[in-house]
């Protein structure tokens, strides 16, 4: 029996388990994930950080890569960190904005 293809939603669910250390919200709800591409069991994720001086600039993308690569049908995951467009609170989900008292 062939393994089911991993969907973008499965990847999103894994990413939602990763929290920003300074803000008690997962990085997906924060709007740090800009793009997820899946091709032939290889994943390319474009993400940003809350600031270029983020204390987890090295470890957060690595955590995303490692968690996504643990999914059974994923061969590899490349995480690209970009700062354009720059992150701002408008990129957060409504739920995250409510949780942080921004709405």
Protein backbone atom coordinates (compact mmCIF):
# COMPACT_ATOMS: atom_id res chain seq x y z
CA UNK A 1 0.00 0.00 0.00
CA UNK A 2 1.42 3.38 -1.03
CA UNK A 3 1.76 6.15 1.53
CA UNK A 4 -0.68 9.00 1.16
CA UNK A 5 0.72 12.20 -0.31
CA UNK A 6 1.38 14.88 2.26
CA UNK A 7 -0.92 17.81 1.81
CA UNK A 8 -0.17 21.44 2.44
CA UNK A 9 -2.59 21.24 5.38
CA UNK A 10 -0.50 18.49 7.03
CA UNK A 11 2.56 20.73 6.71
CA UNK A 12 0.62 23.68 8.14
CA UNK A 13 -0.52 21.53 11.08
CA UNK A 14 3.11 20.67 11.89
CA UNK A 15 4.18 24.31 11.58
CA UNK A 16 1.37 25.32 13.96
CA UNK A 17 3.20 23.32 16.67
CA UNK A 18 6.10 25.81 16.54
CA UNK A 19 5.80 28.89 18.72
CA UNK A 20 7.69 32.16 18.65
CA UNK A 21 9.65 32.29 21.93
CA UNK A 22 8.77 35.94 22.57
CA UNK A 23 5.10 35.86 21.53
CA UNK A 24 2.85 33.04 22.80
CA UNK A 25 1.39 32.34 19.34
CA UNK A 26 2.37 29.75 16.74
CA UNK A 27 4.44 31.00 13.81
CA UNK A 28 1.74 30.19 11.25
CA UNK A 29 -0.87 32.32 13.05
CA UNK A 30 1.74 35.06 13.40
CA UNK A 31 1.94 35.19 9.61
CA UNK A 32 5.62 34.23 9.45
CA UNK A 33 5.02 31.61 6.74
CA UNK A 34 4.74 33.29 3.35
CA UNK A 35 4.68 30.31 1.00
CA UNK A 36 4.69 26.50 0.96
CA UNK A 37 5.54 24.66 -2.26
CA UNK A 38 5.43 20.86 -2.52
CA UNK A 39 7.00 19.13 -5.54
CA UNK A 40 7.82 15.44 -5.71
CA UNK A 41 7.88 15.07 -1.91
CA UNK A 42 10.28 18.03 -1.58
CA UNK A 43 9.04 21.10 0.27
CA UNK A 44 10.17 24.69 -0.13
CA UNK A 45 9.00 27.09 2.56
CA UNK A 46 9.43 30.85 2.38
CA UNK A 47 9.19 32.46 5.79
CA UNK A 48 10.21 35.54 7.69
CA UNK A 49 10.99 36.45 11.28
CA UNK A 50 9.40 39.11 13.44
CA UNK A 51 12.61 41.11 13.04
CA UNK A 52 16.02 40.63 11.40
CA UNK A 53 17.55 40.65 14.91
CA UNK A 54 15.23 37.90 16.14
CA UNK A 55 17.05 35.83 18.80
CA UNK A 56 15.95 32.58 17.12
CA UNK A 57 17.00 33.60 13.59
CA UNK A 58 19.22 30.53 13.35
CA UNK A 59 17.14 27.96 15.22
CA UNK A 60 13.55 28.74 14.13
CA UNK A 61 14.01 27.95 10.39
CA UNK A 62 15.90 24.79 11.37
CA UNK A 63 13.03 23.74 13.65
CA UNK A 64 10.57 24.25 10.76
CA UNK A 65 12.78 22.16 8.43
CA UNK A 66 13.22 19.34 10.95
CA UNK A 67 9.52 19.08 11.84
CA UNK A 68 8.37 19.11 8.21
CA UNK A 69 10.97 16.48 7.26
CA UNK A 70 9.53 14.17 9.95
CA UNK A 71 6.33 13.85 7.93
CA UNK A 72 6.32 10.35 6.40
CA UNK A 73 6.09 11.33 2.73
CA UNK A 74 8.52 14.26 2.76
CA UNK A 75 12.01 13.67 1.33
CA UNK A 76 13.43 17.11 2.05
CA UNK A 77 12.50 20.58 3.19
CA UNK A 78 14.30 23.80 2.30
CA UNK A 79 13.45 26.86 4.36
CA UNK A 80 14.20 30.25 2.87
CA UNK A 81 14.14 33.25 5.22
CA UNK A 82 13.24 36.56 3.61
CA UNK A 83 12.62 40.05 4.98
CA UNK A 84 10.68 41.42 2.03
CA UNK A 85 7.91 42.10 2.64
CA UNK A 86 8.81 42.93 6.22
CA UNK A 87 6.63 41.28 8.85
CA UNK A 88 4.09 43.37 10.73
CA UNK A 89 1.14 42.64 13.00
CA UNK A 90 -1.33 42.96 10.10
CA UNK A 91 0.01 39.62 8.84
CA UNK A 92 -1.24 37.83 11.95
CA UNK A 93 -4.44 35.80 11.87
CA UNK A 94 -7.47 37.40 13.47
CA UNK A 95 -7.29 34.74 16.20
CA UNK A 96 -3.68 35.67 17.00
CA UNK A 97 -4.53 39.38 17.04
CA UNK A 98 -7.40 38.72 19.44
CA UNK A 99 -5.19 36.56 21.67
CA UNK A 100 -2.61 39.35 21.89
CA UNK A 101 -5.23 42.04 22.47
CA UNK A 102 -4.63 43.80 19.15
CA UNK A 103 -8.30 43.77 18.11
